[in-house]
Amino acid sequence: MAKAKFIQDGKIIYFTATAEVGYNDIVPIGGIVGVAAEAIPSGGTGGVRLTGVYEMPAAAETMEVGDVLYWDNSNRYVTKTKSELTCVAGIAVSKKTSSSAGTVLCRIG
């Protein structure tokens, strides 16, 4: 049977930025998002959180607790609409009743 070797909890990983990243910026990494644990200069390496609940900008649509949310990097918000331009952000842990833009609590990871 194959074995794995434990390295770390994985709550924070180290990420090399291709553009300047500010503290608490939402950072798309492959097919997921993280949240910057510190400011990271372009070309620099810094910590990005991969777990937790964050208030995030949300698309103009209603959202229910448990909805899968995707990060739309072009529009800079979470949405329920999956497309080739989005990556998984997490799940909604608050209800967003308004069909206008706003915020929602999202559990990443």
Protein backbone atom coordinates (compact mmCIF):
# COMPACT_ATOMS: atom_id res chain seq x y z
CA MET A 1 0.00 0.00 0.00
CA ALA A 2 1.26 3.50 -0.81
CA LYS A 3 2.19 5.67 2.16
CA ALA A 4 2.22 9.42 2.66
CA LYS A 5 4.61 11.41 4.83
CA PHE A 6 3.03 14.20 6.92
CA ILE A 7 4.68 17.58 6.24
CA GLN A 8 2.35 20.26 7.71
CA ASP A 9 -1.33 21.06 8.42
CA GLY A 10 -1.57 22.97 5.15
CA LYS A 11 -3.54 25.86 6.60
CA ILE A 12 -0.93 28.20 5.09
CA ILE A 13 1.19 27.47 2.05
CA TYR A 14 3.97 29.54 0.54
CA PHE A 15 3.17 31.12 -2.79
CA THR A 16 5.38 33.01 -5.25
CA ALA A 17 3.47 36.02 -6.55
CA THR A 18 3.58 37.05 -10.20
CA ALA A 19 2.08 40.44 -9.27
CA GLU A 20 1.96 42.40 -6.02
CA VAL A 21 -0.42 40.85 -3.47
CA GLY A 22 -1.80 42.79 -0.50
CA TYR A 23 -2.60 41.47 2.97
CA ASN A 24 -5.98 39.63 2.87
CA ASP A 25 -6.15 39.79 -0.94
CA ILE A 26 -7.99 36.86 -2.51
CA VAL A 27 -5.38 34.79 -4.38
CA PRO A 28 -6.38 32.31 -7.11
CA ILE A 29 -4.00 29.33 -7.06
CA GLY A 30 -4.74 26.81 -9.79
CA GLY A 31 -8.33 25.64 -9.29
CA ILE A 32 -8.79 27.09 -5.76
CA VAL A 33 -8.42 30.36 -3.89
CA GLY A 34 -6.52 31.34 -0.78
CA VAL A 35 -6.27 34.56 1.22
CA ALA A 36 -2.93 36.32 1.60
CA ALA A 37 -1.64 36.10 5.18
CA GLU A 38 0.80 38.92 4.42
CA ALA A 39 1.73 41.37 1.69
CA ILE A 40 3.76 39.67 -1.04
CA PRO A 41 5.78 41.70 -3.53
CA SER A 42 5.79 40.72 -7.20
CA GLY A 43 8.28 37.86 -7.56
CA GLY A 44 8.37 37.34 -3.79
CA THR A 45 7.15 34.40 -1.74
CA GLY A 46 4.69 34.69 1.14
CA GLY A 47 2.02 32.86 3.10
CA VAL A 48 -1.46 32.24 1.73
CA ARG A 49 -4.22 30.80 3.95
CA LEU A 50 -6.18 27.88 2.48
CA THR A 51 -8.79 27.51 5.25
CA GLY A 52 -11.16 29.75 7.16
CA VAL A 53 -14.31 31.83 6.75
CA TYR A 54 -14.00 35.19 5.03
CA GLU A 55 -16.40 37.94 4.00
CA MET A 56 -15.99 38.24 0.24
CA PRO A 57 -17.45 40.44 -2.48
CA ALA A 58 -20.35 38.62 -4.14
CA ALA A 59 -22.11 38.71 -7.50
CA ALA A 60 -25.58 40.18 -7.91
CA GLU A 61 -27.43 36.95 -7.11
CA THR A 62 -29.04 35.30 -4.10
CA MET A 63 -26.98 32.71 -2.23
CA GLU A 64 -27.95 30.05 0.29
CA VAL A 65 -25.88 28.44 3.03
CA GLY A 66 -24.11 25.48 1.44
CA ASP A 67 -23.99 26.85 -2.11
CA VAL A 68 -20.70 26.13 -3.85
CA LEU A 69 -19.05 29.44 -4.71
CA TYR A 70 -16.56 30.16 -7.46
CA TRP A 71 -14.05 33.02 -7.66
CA ASP A 72 -14.51 35.10 -10.80
CA ASN A 73 -11.08 36.69 -11.19
CA SER A 74 -12.24 38.99 -14.01
CA ASN A 75 -15.03 40.55 -11.96
CA ARG A 76 -13.30 40.08 -8.58
CA TYR A 77 -16.22 38.43 -6.74
CA VAL A 78 -17.64 35.04 -5.77
CA THR A 79 -20.51 33.64 -7.79
CA LYS A 80 -22.60 30.47 -8.00
CA THR A 81 -21.90 30.34 -11.73
CA LYS A 82 -19.07 28.04 -12.75
CA SER A 83 -17.25 28.90 -15.97
CA GLU A 84 -13.85 28.41 -17.55
CA LEU A 85 -12.82 31.75 -15.99
CA THR A 86 -13.59 30.74 -12.39
CA CYS A 87 -12.02 28.55 -9.71
CA VAL A 88 -13.55 27.03 -6.57
CA ALA A 89 -13.67 29.54 -3.71
CA GLY A 90 -15.55 27.40 -1.17
CA ILE A 91 -19.09 27.28 0.22
CA ALA A 92 -21.44 29.99 1.41
CA VAL A 93 -21.88 29.99 5.19
CA SER A 94 -24.30 32.91 5.23
CA LYS A 95 -27.41 33.66 3.24
CA LYS A 96 -27.34 36.51 0.71
CA THR A 97 -30.92 37.46 -0.10
CA SER A 98 -30.28 40.48 -2.27
CA SER A 99 -30.00 40.14 -6.02
CA SER A 100 -27.70 43.17 -6.04
CA ALA A 101 -23.94 43.05 -5.53
CA GLY A 102 -22.80 42.75 -1.92
CA THR A 103 -20.88 40.37 0.29
CA VAL A 104 -21.26 36.81 1.57
CA LEU A 105 -19.40 34.73 4.12
CA CYS A 106 -17.40 32.04 2.33
CA ARG A 107 -15.59 29.07 3.88
CA ILE A 108 -12.52 28.44 1.77
CA GLY A 109 -10.65 25.15 1.70
